[in-house]
Amino acid sequence: MSARGLDDLMEQNEAELDFLSSYGGGETPEELVELVTKIAGDAIKIKQVKDGAKISLKAANLPLVASDIARHGFIKGTLAEDKSSVSVTIIAFGEEQKRFIERLTEFIHNE
């Protein structure tokens, strides 16, 4: 008996499971960098790393709390105690990551 993947199940059942994409995942580091860059442009420092897309930002009073970078799809997150800098690696791209990047980008453009 062989293991069946999600694609096999979708094909067999002719099911539309688009809602699963909202959880993110499966993107390569290159794809993650591209997704982040599409949203952030050059407002945020983005670097491709082995695990995904590492983003870094330094600015006074960043609109973040520690739980923002501890959610599913984020690893290696650090937020300065005085909220002057943030660094986190995105390993899966979903709505949480999109909102996070949009919020930082808006903050930088309004500063």
PDB file of N, CA and C in Angstrom:
ATOM      1  N   MET A   1       0.847  -1.171   0.000  1.00  0.00           N
ATOM      2  CA  MET A   1       0.000   0.000   0.000  1.00  0.00           C
ATOM      3  C   MET A   1       0.894   1.236   0.000  1.00  0.00           C
ATOM      4  N   SER A   2       0.614   2.157  -0.892  1.00  0.00           N
ATOM      5  CA  SER A   2       1.443   3.355  -0.983  1.00  0.00           C
ATOM      6  C   SER A   2       0.754   4.537  -0.306  1.00  0.00           C
ATOM      7  N   ALA A   3       1.567   5.468   0.160  1.00  0.00           N
ATOM      8  CA  ALA A   3       1.032   6.673   0.793  1.00  0.00           C
ATOM      9  C   ALA A   3       0.447   7.579  -0.272  1.00  0.00           C
ATOM     10  N   ARG A   4      -0.654   8.211   0.046  1.00  0.00           N
ATOM     11  CA  ARG A   4      -1.295   9.115  -0.905  1.00  0.00           C
ATOM     12  C   ARG A   4      -1.166  10.534  -0.398  1.00  0.00           C
ATOM     13  N   GLY A   5      -0.918  11.440  -1.312  1.00  0.00           N
ATOM     14  CA  GLY A   5      -0.778  12.836  -0.959  1.00  0.00           C
ATOM     15  C   GLY A   5      -2.079  13.595  -1.122  1.00  0.00           C
ATOM     16  N   LEU A   6      -2.058  14.834  -0.761  1.00  0.00           N
ATOM     17  CA  LEU A   6      -3.218  15.704  -0.867  1.00  0.00           C
ATOM     18  C   LEU A   6      -3.692  15.812  -2.312  1.00  0.00           C
ATOM     19  N   ASP A   7      -2.756  15.909  -3.258  1.00  0.00           N
ATOM     20  CA  ASP A   7      -3.138  16.005  -4.671  1.00  0.00           C
ATOM     21  C   ASP A   7      -3.925  14.782  -5.113  1.00  0.00           C
ATOM     22  N   ASP A   8      -3.493  13.596  -4.670  1.00  0.00           N
ATOM     23  CA  ASP A   8      -4.209  12.367  -5.025  1.00  0.00           C
ATOM     24  C   ASP A   8      -5.627  12.378  -4.471  1.00  0.00           C
ATOM     25  N   LEU A   9      -5.768  12.795  -3.231  1.00  0.00           N
ATOM     26  CA  LEU A   9      -7.097  12.842  -2.614  1.00  0.00           C
ATOM     27  C   LEU A   9      -8.002  13.858  -3.296  1.00  0.00           C
ATOM     28  N   MET A  10      -7.433  15.023  -3.641  1.00  0.00           N
ATOM     29  CA  MET A  10      -8.235  16.041  -4.321  1.00  0.00           C
ATOM     30  C   MET A  10      -8.704  15.530  -5.679  1.00  0.00           C
ATOM     31  N   GLU A  11      -7.792  14.872  -6.402  1.00  0.00           N
ATOM     32  CA  GLU A  11      -8.140  14.343  -7.716  1.00  0.00           C
ATOM     33  C   GLU A  11      -9.212  13.269  -7.591  1.00  0.00           C
ATOM     34  N   GLN A  12      -9.035  12.366  -6.646  1.00  0.00           N
ATOM     35  CA  GLN A  12      -9.988  11.277  -6.461  1.00  0.00           C
ATOM     36  C   GLN A  12     -11.376  11.824  -6.124  1.00  0.00           C
ATOM     37  N   ASN A  13     -11.424  12.793  -5.265  1.00  0.00           N
ATOM     38  CA  ASN A  13     -12.708  13.322  -4.799  1.00  0.00           C
ATOM     39  C   ASN A  13     -13.161  14.558  -5.553  1.00  0.00           C
ATOM     40  N   GLU A  14     -12.344  14.988  -6.507  1.00  0.00           N
ATOM     41  CA  GLU A  14     -12.625  16.199  -7.279  1.00  0.00           C
ATOM     42  C   GLU A  14     -13.056  17.335  -6.353  1.00  0.00           C
ATOM     43  N   ALA A  15     -12.311  17.478  -5.279  1.00  0.00           N
ATOM     44  CA  ALA A  15     -12.642  18.477  -4.268  1.00  0.00           C
ATOM     45  C   ALA A  15     -11.825  19.737  -4.460  1.00  0.00           C
ATOM     46  N   GLU A  16     -12.434  20.829  -4.141  1.00  0.00           N
ATOM     47  CA  GLU A  16     -11.745  22.110  -4.119  1.00  0.00           C
ATOM     48  C   GLU A  16     -11.403  22.410  -2.660  1.00  0.00           C
ATOM     49  N   LEU A  17     -10.143  22.416  -2.360  1.00  0.00           N
ATOM     50  CA  LEU A  17      -9.706  22.660  -0.986  1.00  0.00           C
ATOM     51  C   LEU A  17      -8.870  23.924  -0.910  1.00  0.00           C
ATOM     52  N   ASP A  18      -9.322  24.997  -1.582  1.00  0.00           N
ATOM     53  CA  ASP A  18      -8.572  26.248  -1.598  1.00  0.00           C
ATOM     54  C   ASP A  18      -8.350  26.817  -0.210  1.00  0.00           C
ATOM     55  N   PHE A  19      -9.262  26.523   0.718  1.00  0.00           N
ATOM     56  CA  PHE A  19      -9.120  27.076   2.062  1.00  0.00           C
ATOM     57  C   PHE A  19      -7.820  26.648   2.719  1.00  0.00           C
ATOM     58  N   LEU A  20      -7.250  25.513   2.306  1.00  0.00           N
ATOM     59  CA  LEU A  20      -5.999  25.055   2.896  1.00  0.00           C
ATOM     60  C   LEU A  20      -4.847  25.997   2.589  1.00  0.00           C
ATOM     61  N   SER A  21      -4.905  26.724   1.483  1.00  0.00           N
ATOM     62  CA  SER A  21      -3.818  27.623   1.125  1.00  0.00           C
ATOM     63  C   SER A  21      -3.690  28.786   2.104  1.00  0.00           C
ATOM     64  N   SER A  22      -4.754  29.088   2.848  1.00  0.00           N
ATOM     65  CA  SER A  22      -4.678  30.195   3.796  1.00  0.00           C
ATOM     66  C   SER A  22      -3.722  29.885   4.939  1.00  0.00           C
ATOM     67  N   TYR A  23      -3.382  28.608   5.131  1.00  0.00           N
ATOM     68  CA  TYR A  23      -2.443  28.243   6.175  1.00  0.00           C
ATOM     69  C   TYR A  23      -1.000  28.389   5.725  1.00  0.00           C
ATOM     70  N   GLY A  24      -0.772  28.546   4.438  1.00  0.00           N
ATOM     71  CA  GLY A  24       0.571  28.718   3.915  1.00  0.00           C
ATOM     72  C   GLY A  24       1.372  27.441   3.988  1.00  0.00           C
ATOM     73  N   GLY A  25       2.558  27.517   3.438  1.00  0.00           N
ATOM     74  CA  GLY A  25       3.453  26.367   3.506  1.00  0.00           C
ATOM     75  C   GLY A  25       3.766  25.822   2.133  1.00  0.00           C
ATOM     76  N   GLY A  26       4.902  25.182   2.039  1.00  0.00           N
ATOM     77  CA  GLY A  26       5.298  24.564   0.790  1.00  0.00           C
ATOM     78  C   GLY A  26       6.086  25.463  -0.140  1.00  0.00           C
ATOM     79  N   GLU A  27       6.260  26.725   0.227  1.00  0.00           N
ATOM     80  CA  GLU A  27       7.009  27.645  -0.631  1.00  0.00           C
ATOM     81  C   GLU A  27       8.506  27.436  -0.438  1.00  0.00           C
ATOM     82  N   THR A  28       9.247  27.628  -1.514  1.00  0.00           N
ATOM     83  CA  THR A  28      10.708  27.585  -1.428  1.00  0.00           C
ATOM     84  C   THR A  28      11.189  28.908  -0.849  1.00  0.00           C
ATOM     85  N   PRO A  29      12.426  28.954  -0.356  1.00  0.00           N
ATOM     86  CA  PRO A  29      12.963  30.239   0.118  1.00  0.00           C
ATOM     87  C   PRO A  29      12.899  31.323  -0.968  1.00  0.00           C
ATOM     88  N   GLU A  30      13.152  30.942  -2.221  1.00  0.00           N
ATOM     89  CA  GLU A  30      13.081  31.915  -3.318  1.00  0.00           C
ATOM     90  C   GLU A  30      11.670  32.476  -3.477  1.00  0.00           C
ATOM     91  N   GLU A  31      10.672  31.588  -3.394  1.00  0.00           N
ATOM     92  CA  GLU A  31       9.273  32.027  -3.517  1.00  0.00           C
ATOM     93  C   GLU A  31       8.881  32.920  -2.350  1.00  0.00           C
ATOM     94  N   LEU A  32       9.356  32.590  -1.158  1.00  0.00           N
ATOM     95  CA  LEU A  32       9.041  33.414   0.011  1.00  0.00           C
ATOM     96  C   LEU A  32       9.612  34.817  -0.137  1.00  0.00           C
ATOM     97  N   VAL A  33      10.852  34.917  -0.598  1.00  0.00           N
ATOM     98  CA  VAL A  33      11.461  36.232  -0.814  1.00  0.00           C
ATOM     99  C   VAL A  33      10.645  37.012  -1.845  1.00  0.00           C
ATOM    100  N   GLU A  34      10.232  36.346  -2.901  1.00  0.00           N
ATOM    101  CA  GLU A  34       9.437  37.011  -3.933  1.00  0.00           C
ATOM    102  C   GLU A  34       8.094  37.497  -3.385  1.00  0.00           C
ATOM    103  N   LEU A  35       7.427  36.674  -2.599  1.00  0.00           N
ATOM    104  CA  LEU A  35       6.142  37.061  -2.011  1.00  0.00           C
ATOM    105  C   LEU A  35       6.285  38.265  -1.077  1.00  0.00           C
ATOM    106  N   VAL A  36       7.310  38.231  -0.240  1.00  0.00           N
ATOM    107  CA  VAL A  36       7.534  39.344   0.690  1.00  0.00           C
ATOM    108  C   VAL A  36       7.885  40.612  -0.075  1.00  0.00           C
ATOM    109  N   THR A  37       8.733  40.493  -1.079  1.00  0.00           N
ATOM    110  CA  THR A  37       9.165  41.652  -1.868  1.00  0.00           C
ATOM    111  C   THR A  37       7.990  42.291  -2.599  1.00  0.00           C
ATOM    112  N   LYS A  38       7.053  41.482  -3.093  1.00  0.00           N
ATOM    113  CA  LYS A  38       5.870  42.017  -3.785  1.00  0.00           C
ATOM    114  C   LYS A  38       5.075  42.947  -2.883  1.00  0.00           C
ATOM    115  N   ILE A  39       5.036  42.617  -1.606  1.00  0.00           N
ATOM    116  CA  ILE A  39       4.263  43.423  -0.654  1.00  0.00           C
ATOM    117  C   ILE A  39       5.088  44.584  -0.112  1.00  0.00           C
ATOM    118  N   ALA A  40       6.311  44.305   0.285  1.00  0.00           N
ATOM    119  CA  ALA A  40       7.116  45.297   1.004  1.00  0.00           C
ATOM    120  C   ALA A  40       7.946  46.202   0.110  1.00  0.00           C
ATOM    121  N   GLY A  41       8.237  45.754  -1.097  1.00  0.00           N
ATOM    122  CA  GLY A  41       9.141  46.541  -1.939  1.00  0.00           C
ATOM    123  C   GLY A  41      10.490  46.640  -1.253  1.00  0.00           C
ATOM    124  N   ASP A  42      10.998  47.864  -1.160  1.00  0.00           N
ATOM    125  CA  ASP A  42      12.292  48.050  -0.501  1.00  0.00           C
ATOM    126  C   ASP A  42      12.151  48.650   0.907  1.00  0.00           C
ATOM    127  N   ALA A  43      10.941  48.618   1.460  1.00  0.00           N
ATOM    128  CA  ALA A  43      10.698  49.191   2.785  1.00  0.00           C
ATOM    129  C   ALA A  43      11.323  48.356   3.903  1.00  0.00           C
ATOM    130  N   ILE A  44      11.481  47.061   3.649  1.00  0.00           N
ATOM    131  CA  ILE A  44      11.989  46.135   4.658  1.00  0.00           C
ATOM    132  C   ILE A  44      13.176  45.380   4.072  1.00  0.00           C
ATOM    133  N   LYS A  45      14.200  45.161   4.893  1.00  0.00           N
ATOM    134  CA  LYS A  45      15.350  44.376   4.447  1.00  0.00           C
ATOM    135  C   LYS A  45      14.935  42.906   4.373  1.00  0.00           C
ATOM    136  N   ILE A  46      15.102  42.299   3.204  1.00  0.00           N
ATOM    137  CA  ILE A  46      14.708  40.916   2.979  1.00  0.00           C
ATOM    138  C   ILE A  46      15.923  40.142   2.474  1.00  0.00           C
ATOM    139  N   LYS A  47      16.168  38.997   3.087  1.00  0.00           N
ATOM    140  CA  LYS A  47      17.317  38.185   2.694  1.00  0.00           C
ATOM    141  C   LYS A  47      16.886  36.727   2.607  1.00  0.00           C
ATOM    142  N   GLN A  48      17.265  36.079   1.526  1.00  0.00           N
ATOM    143  CA  GLN A  48      16.988  34.649   1.409  1.00  0.00           C
ATOM    144  C   GLN A  48      17.966  33.886   2.280  1.00  0.00           C
ATOM    145  N   VAL A  49      17.430  33.013   3.123  1.00  0.00           N
ATOM    146  CA  VAL A  49      18.245  32.150   3.971  1.00  0.00           C
ATOM    147  C   VAL A  49      17.814  30.704   3.731  1.00  0.00           C
ATOM    148  N   LYS A  50      18.540  29.784   4.305  1.00  0.00           N
ATOM    149  CA  LYS A  50      18.263  28.368   4.086  1.00  0.00           C
ATOM    150  C   LYS A  50      16.815  28.004   4.421  1.00  0.00           C
ATOM    151  N   ASP A  51      16.299  28.555   5.515  1.00  0.00           N
ATOM    152  CA  ASP A  51      14.960  28.197   5.989  1.00  0.00           C
ATOM    153  C   ASP A  51      13.828  28.945   5.298  1.00  0.00           C
ATOM    154  N   GLY A  52      14.123  30.113   4.707  1.00  0.00           N
ATOM    155  CA  GLY A  52      13.049  30.908   4.122  1.00  0.00           C
ATOM    156  C   GLY A  52      13.490  32.312   3.784  1.00  0.00           C
ATOM    157  N   ALA A  53      12.663  33.277   4.162  1.00  0.00           N
ATOM    158  CA  ALA A  53      12.944  34.690   3.901  1.00  0.00           C
ATOM    159  C   ALA A  53      13.110  35.406   5.237  1.00  0.00           C
ATOM    160  N   LYS A  54      14.308  35.908   5.481  1.00  0.00           N
ATOM    161  CA  LYS A  54      14.582  36.618   6.727  1.00  0.00           C
ATOM    162  C   LYS A  54      14.313  38.099   6.499  1.00  0.00           C
ATOM    163  N   ILE A  55      13.488  38.657   7.366  1.00  0.00           N
ATOM    164  CA  ILE A  55      13.225  40.087   7.263  1.00  0.00           C
ATOM    165  C   ILE A  55      13.770  40.777   8.501  1.00  0.00           C
ATOM    166  N   SER A  56      14.293  41.979   8.280  1.00  0.00           N
ATOM    167  CA  SER A  56      14.865  42.773   9.366  1.00  0.00           C
ATOM    168  C   SER A  56      14.425  44.213   9.179  1.00  0.00           C
ATOM    169  N   LEU A  57      14.185  44.870  10.289  1.00  0.00           N
ATOM    170  CA  LEU A  57      13.761  46.266  10.236  1.00  0.00           C
ATOM    171  C   LEU A  57      14.178  46.964  11.519  1.00  0.00           C
ATOM    172  N   LYS A  58      14.705  48.170  11.362  1.00  0.00           N
ATOM    173  CA  LYS A  58      15.039  49.017  12.507  1.00  0.00           C
ATOM    174  C   LYS A  58      14.281  50.322  12.355  1.00  0.00           C
ATOM    175  N   ALA A  59      13.537  50.668  13.383  1.00  0.00           N
ATOM    176  CA  ALA A  59      12.781  51.925  13.419  1.00  0.00           C
ATOM    177  C   ALA A  59      12.273  52.108  14.850  1.00  0.00           C
ATOM    178  N   ALA A  60      12.048  53.330  15.217  1.00  0.00           N
ATOM    179  CA  ALA A  60      11.557  53.614  16.567  1.00  0.00           C
ATOM    180  C   ALA A  60      10.095  53.212  16.694  1.00  0.00           C
ATOM    181  N   ASN A  61       9.766  52.616  17.825  1.00  0.00           N
ATOM    182  CA  ASN A  61       8.383  52.282  18.177  1.00  0.00           C
ATOM    183  C   ASN A  61       7.662  51.421  17.145  1.00  0.00           C
ATOM    184  N   LEU A  62       8.277  50.325  16.767  1.00  0.00           N
ATOM    185  CA  LEU A  62       7.628  49.408  15.824  1.00  0.00           C
ATOM    186  C   LEU A  62       6.294  48.933  16.401  1.00  0.00           C
ATOM    187  N   PRO A  63       5.257  48.842  15.559  1.00  0.00           N
ATOM    188  CA  PRO A  63       3.919  48.464  16.044  1.00  0.00           C
ATOM    189  C   PRO A  63       3.775  46.948  16.204  1.00  0.00           C
ATOM    190  N   LEU A  64       4.625  46.361  17.042  1.00  0.00           N
ATOM    191  CA  LEU A  64       4.660  44.916  17.198  1.00  0.00           C
ATOM    192  C   LEU A  64       4.673  44.503  18.655  1.00  0.00           C
ATOM    193  N   VAL A  65       4.259  43.277  18.887  1.00  0.00           N
ATOM    194  CA  VAL A  65       4.417  42.628  20.188  1.00  0.00           C
ATOM    195  C   VAL A  65       5.086  41.281  19.918  1.00  0.00           C
ATOM    196  N   ALA A  66       5.625  40.684  20.948  1.00  0.00           N
ATOM    197  CA  ALA A  66       6.385  39.445  20.771  1.00  0.00           C
ATOM    198  C   ALA A  66       5.570  38.339  20.096  1.00  0.00           C
ATOM    199  N   SER A  67       4.284  38.277  20.375  1.00  0.00           N
ATOM    200  CA  SER A  67       3.459  37.211  19.785  1.00  0.00           C
ATOM    201  C   SER A  67       3.311  37.355  18.274  1.00  0.00           C
ATOM    202  N   ASP A  68       3.547  38.543  17.733  1.00  0.00           N
ATOM    203  CA  ASP A  68       3.461  38.741  16.281  1.00  0.00           C
ATOM    204  C   ASP A  68       4.475  37.900  15.522  1.00  0.00           C
ATOM    205  N   ILE A  69       5.602  37.636  16.140  1.00  0.00           N
ATOM    206  CA  ILE A  69       6.659  36.890  15.453  1.00  0.00           C
ATOM    207  C   ILE A  69       6.816  35.475  16.014  1.00  0.00           C
ATOM    208  N   ALA A  70       5.841  35.057  16.801  1.00  0.00           N
ATOM    209  CA  ALA A  70       5.875  33.712  17.371  1.00  0.00           C
ATOM    210  C   ALA A  70       4.760  32.838  16.797  1.00  0.00           C
ATOM    211  N   ARG A  71       4.122  33.297  15.747  1.00  0.00           N
ATOM    212  CA  ARG A  71       2.999  32.568  15.147  1.00  0.00           C
ATOM    213  C   ARG A  71       3.492  31.526  14.156  1.00  0.00           C
ATOM    214  N   HIS A  72       2.562  30.675  13.744  1.00  0.00           N
ATOM    215  CA  HIS A  72       2.856  29.662  12.720  1.00  0.00           C
ATOM    216  C   HIS A  72       3.417  30.349  11.473  1.00  0.00           C
ATOM    217  N   GLY A  73       4.470  29.796  10.919  1.00  0.00           N
ATOM    218  CA  GLY A  73       5.069  30.355   9.709  1.00  0.00           C
ATOM    219  C   GLY A  73       6.249  31.266   9.968  1.00  0.00           C
ATOM    220  N   PHE A  74       6.511  31.576  11.249  1.00  0.00           N
ATOM    221  CA  PHE A  74       7.648  32.413  11.627  1.00  0.00           C
ATOM    222  C   PHE A  74       8.599  31.592  12.506  1.00  0.00           C
ATOM    223  N   ILE A  75       9.902  31.788  12.316  1.00  0.00           N
ATOM    224  CA  ILE A  75      10.889  31.197  13.226  1.00  0.00           C
ATOM    225  C   ILE A  75      11.986  32.222  13.490  1.00  0.00           C
ATOM    226  N   LYS A  76      12.751  31.957  14.519  1.00  0.00           N
ATOM    227  CA  LYS A  76      13.924  32.775  14.861  1.00  0.00           C
ATOM    228  C   LYS A  76      13.580  34.261  14.988  1.00  0.00           C
ATOM    229  N   GLY A  77      12.454  34.536  15.597  1.00  0.00           N
ATOM    230  CA  GLY A  77      12.030  35.925  15.748  1.00  0.00           C
ATOM    231  C   GLY A  77      12.645  36.598  16.956  1.00  0.00           C
ATOM    232  N   THR A  78      13.102  37.817  16.759  1.00  0.00           N
ATOM    233  CA  THR A  78      13.584  38.636  17.876  1.00  0.00           C
ATOM    234  C   THR A  78      13.010  40.036  17.721  1.00  0.00           C
ATOM    235  N   LEU A  79      12.500  40.548  18.806  1.00  0.00           N
ATOM    236  CA  LEU A  79      11.975  41.908  18.858  1.00  0.00           C
ATOM    237  C   LEU A  79      12.673  42.609  20.008  1.00  0.00           C
ATOM    238  N   ALA A  80      13.317  43.721  19.701  1.00  0.00           N
ATOM    239  CA  ALA A  80      14.016  44.469  20.746  1.00  0.00           C
ATOM    240  C   ALA A  80      13.023  44.889  21.831  1.00  0.00           C
ATOM    241  N   GLU A  81      13.499  44.879  23.063  1.00  0.00           N
ATOM    242  CA  GLU A  81      12.635  45.236  24.188  1.00  0.00           C
ATOM    243  C   GLU A  81      12.021  46.619  24.021  1.00  0.00           C
ATOM    244  N   ASP A  82      12.785  47.549  23.436  1.00  0.00           N
ATOM    245  CA  ASP A  82      12.273  48.907  23.231  1.00  0.00           C
ATOM    246  C   ASP A  82      11.563  49.068  21.877  1.00  0.00           C
ATOM    247  N   LYS A  83      11.334  47.952  21.189  1.00  0.00           N
ATOM    248  CA  LYS A  83      10.636  47.903  19.899  1.00  0.00           C
ATOM    249  C   LYS A  83      11.329  48.745  18.823  1.00  0.00           C
ATOM    250  N   SER A  84      12.660  48.769  18.875  1.00  0.00           N
ATOM    251  CA  SER A  84      13.422  49.537  17.894  1.00  0.00           C
ATOM    252  C   SER A  84      13.909  48.682  16.728  1.00  0.00           C
ATOM    253  N   SER A  85      13.789  47.352  16.857  1.00  0.00           N
ATOM    254  CA  SER A  85      14.208  46.478  15.766  1.00  0.00           C
ATOM    255  C   SER A  85      13.497  45.140  15.856  1.00  0.00           C
ATOM    256  N   VAL A  86      13.346  44.518  14.687  1.00  0.00           N
ATOM    257  CA  VAL A  86      12.744  43.194  14.604  1.00  0.00           C
ATOM    258  C   VAL A  86      13.487  42.400  13.543  1.00  0.00           C
ATOM    259  N   SER A  87      13.586  41.118  13.788  1.00  0.00           N
ATOM    260  CA  SER A  87      14.177  40.194  12.830  1.00  0.00           C
ATOM    261  C   SER A  87      13.417  38.884  12.963  1.00  0.00           C
ATOM    262  N   VAL A  88      12.998  38.323  11.837  1.00  0.00           N
ATOM    263  CA  VAL A  88      12.259  37.067  11.861  1.00  0.00           C
ATOM    264  C   VAL A  88      12.404  36.388  10.507  1.00  0.00           C
ATOM    265  N   THR A  89      12.367  35.066  10.512  1.00  0.00           N
ATOM    266  CA  THR A  89      12.419  34.304   9.268  1.00  0.00           C
ATOM    267  C   THR A  89      11.038  33.737   8.988  1.00  0.00           C
ATOM    268  N   ILE A  90      10.554  34.009   7.790  1.00  0.00           N
ATOM    269  CA  ILE A  90       9.265  33.486   7.349  1.00  0.00           C
ATOM    270  C   ILE A  90       9.529  32.161   6.636  1.00  0.00           C
ATOM    271  N   ILE A  91       8.879  31.110   7.116  1.00  0.00           N
ATOM    272  CA  ILE A  91       9.088  29.789   6.520  1.00  0.00           C
ATOM    273  C   ILE A  91       7.840  29.268   5.802  1.00  0.00           C
ATOM    274  N   ALA A  92       6.719  29.938   5.985  1.00  0.00           N
ATOM    275  CA  ALA A  92       5.466  29.593   5.310  1.00  0.00           C
ATOM    276  C   ALA A  92       4.696  30.889   5.120  1.00  0.00           C
ATOM    277  N   PHE A  93       4.058  31.039   3.978  1.00  0.00           N
ATOM    278  CA  PHE A  93       3.376  32.290   3.682  1.00  0.00           C
ATOM    279  C   PHE A  93       1.871  32.087   3.655  1.00  0.00           C
ATOM    280  N   GLY A  94       1.201  32.797   4.544  1.00  0.00           N
ATOM    281  CA  GLY A  94      -0.254  32.772   4.626  1.00  0.00           C
ATOM    282  C   GLY A  94      -0.755  34.154   5.005  1.00  0.00           C
ATOM    283  N   GLU A  95      -1.997  34.229   5.430  1.00  0.00           N
ATOM    284  CA  GLU A  95      -2.608  35.520   5.779  1.00  0.00           C
ATOM    285  C   GLU A  95      -1.880  36.214   6.930  1.00  0.00           C
ATOM    286  N   GLU A  96      -1.424  35.444   7.920  1.00  0.00           N
ATOM    287  CA  GLU A  96      -0.700  36.039   9.058  1.00  0.00           C
ATOM    288  C   GLU A  96       0.543  36.783   8.587  1.00  0.00           C
ATOM    289  N   GLN A  97       1.309  36.137   7.702  1.00  0.00           N
ATOM    290  CA  GLN A  97       2.548  36.740   7.217  1.00  0.00           C
ATOM    291  C   GLN A  97       2.233  37.951   6.333  1.00  0.00           C
ATOM    292  N   LYS A  98       1.221  37.823   5.510  1.00  0.00           N
ATOM    293  CA  LYS A  98       0.833  38.938   4.638  1.00  0.00           C
ATOM    294  C   LYS A  98       0.453  40.168   5.470  1.00  0.00           C
ATOM    295  N   ARG A  99      -0.392  39.965   6.476  1.00  0.00           N
ATOM    296  CA  ARG A  99      -0.805  41.092   7.335  1.00  0.00           C
ATOM    297  C   ARG A  99       0.381  41.684   8.086  1.00  0.00           C
ATOM    298  N   PHE A 100       1.272  40.823   8.557  1.00  0.00           N
ATOM    299  CA  PHE A 100       2.466  41.276   9.277  1.00  0.00           C
ATOM    300  C   PHE A 100       3.312  42.199   8.394  1.00  0.00           C
ATOM    301  N   ILE A 101       3.573  41.765   7.184  1.00  0.00           N
ATOM    302  CA  ILE A 101       4.401  42.553   6.255  1.00  0.00           C
ATOM    303  C   ILE A 101       3.679  43.829   5.847  1.00  0.00           C
ATOM    304  N   GLU A 102       2.391  43.748   5.572  1.00  0.00           N
ATOM    305  CA  GLU A 102       1.619  44.940   5.218  1.00  0.00           C
ATOM    306  C   GLU A 102       1.638  45.964   6.347  1.00  0.00           C
ATOM    307  N   ARG A 103       1.507  45.491   7.574  1.00  0.00           N
ATOM    308  CA  ARG A 103       1.515  46.401   8.731  1.00  0.00           C
ATOM    309  C   ARG A 103       2.859  47.101   8.865  1.00  0.00           C
ATOM    310  N   LEU A 104       3.956  46.359   8.721  1.00  0.00           N
ATOM    311  CA  LEU A 104       5.283  46.977   8.803  1.00  0.00           C
ATOM    312  C   LEU A 104       5.521  47.959   7.656  1.00  0.00           C
ATOM    313  N   THR A 105       5.104  47.576   6.464  1.00  0.00           N
ATOM    314  CA  THR A 105       5.283  48.440   5.296  1.00  0.00           C
ATOM    315  C   THR A 105       4.503  49.740   5.455  1.00  0.00           C
ATOM    316  N   GLU A 106       3.272  49.642   5.913  1.00  0.00           N
ATOM    317  CA  GLU A 106       2.459  50.837   6.137  1.00  0.00           C
ATOM    318  C   GLU A 106       3.096  51.729   7.199  1.00  0.00           C
ATOM    319  N   PHE A 107       3.617  51.116   8.253  1.00  0.00           N
ATOM    320  CA  PHE A 107       4.260  51.872   9.320  1.00  0.00           C
ATOM    321  C   PHE A 107       5.456  52.658   8.766  1.00  0.00           C
ATOM    322  N   ILE A 108       6.289  51.999   7.969  1.00  0.00           N
ATOM    323  CA  ILE A 108       7.472  52.656   7.403  1.00  0.00           C
ATOM    324  C   ILE A 108       7.077  53.792   6.472  1.00  0.00           C
ATOM    325  N   HIS A 109       6.076  53.585   5.626  1.00  0.00           N
ATOM    326  CA  HIS A 109       5.656  54.617   4.677  1.00  0.00           C
ATOM    327  C   HIS A 109       4.995  55.810   5.363  1.00  0.00           C
ATOM    328  N   ASN A 110       4.417  55.609   6.544  1.00  0.00           N
ATOM    329  CA  ASN A 110       3.768  56.701   7.285  1.00  0.00           C
ATOM    330  C   ASN A 110       4.698  57.385   8.272  1.00  0.00           C
ATOM    331  N   GLU A 111       5.909  56.862   8.415  1.00  0.00           N
ATOM    332  CA  GLU A 111       6.849  57.423   9.381  1.00  0.00           C
ATOM    333  C   GLU A 111       7.417  58.734   8.912  1.00  0.00           C
TER     334      GLU A 111
END
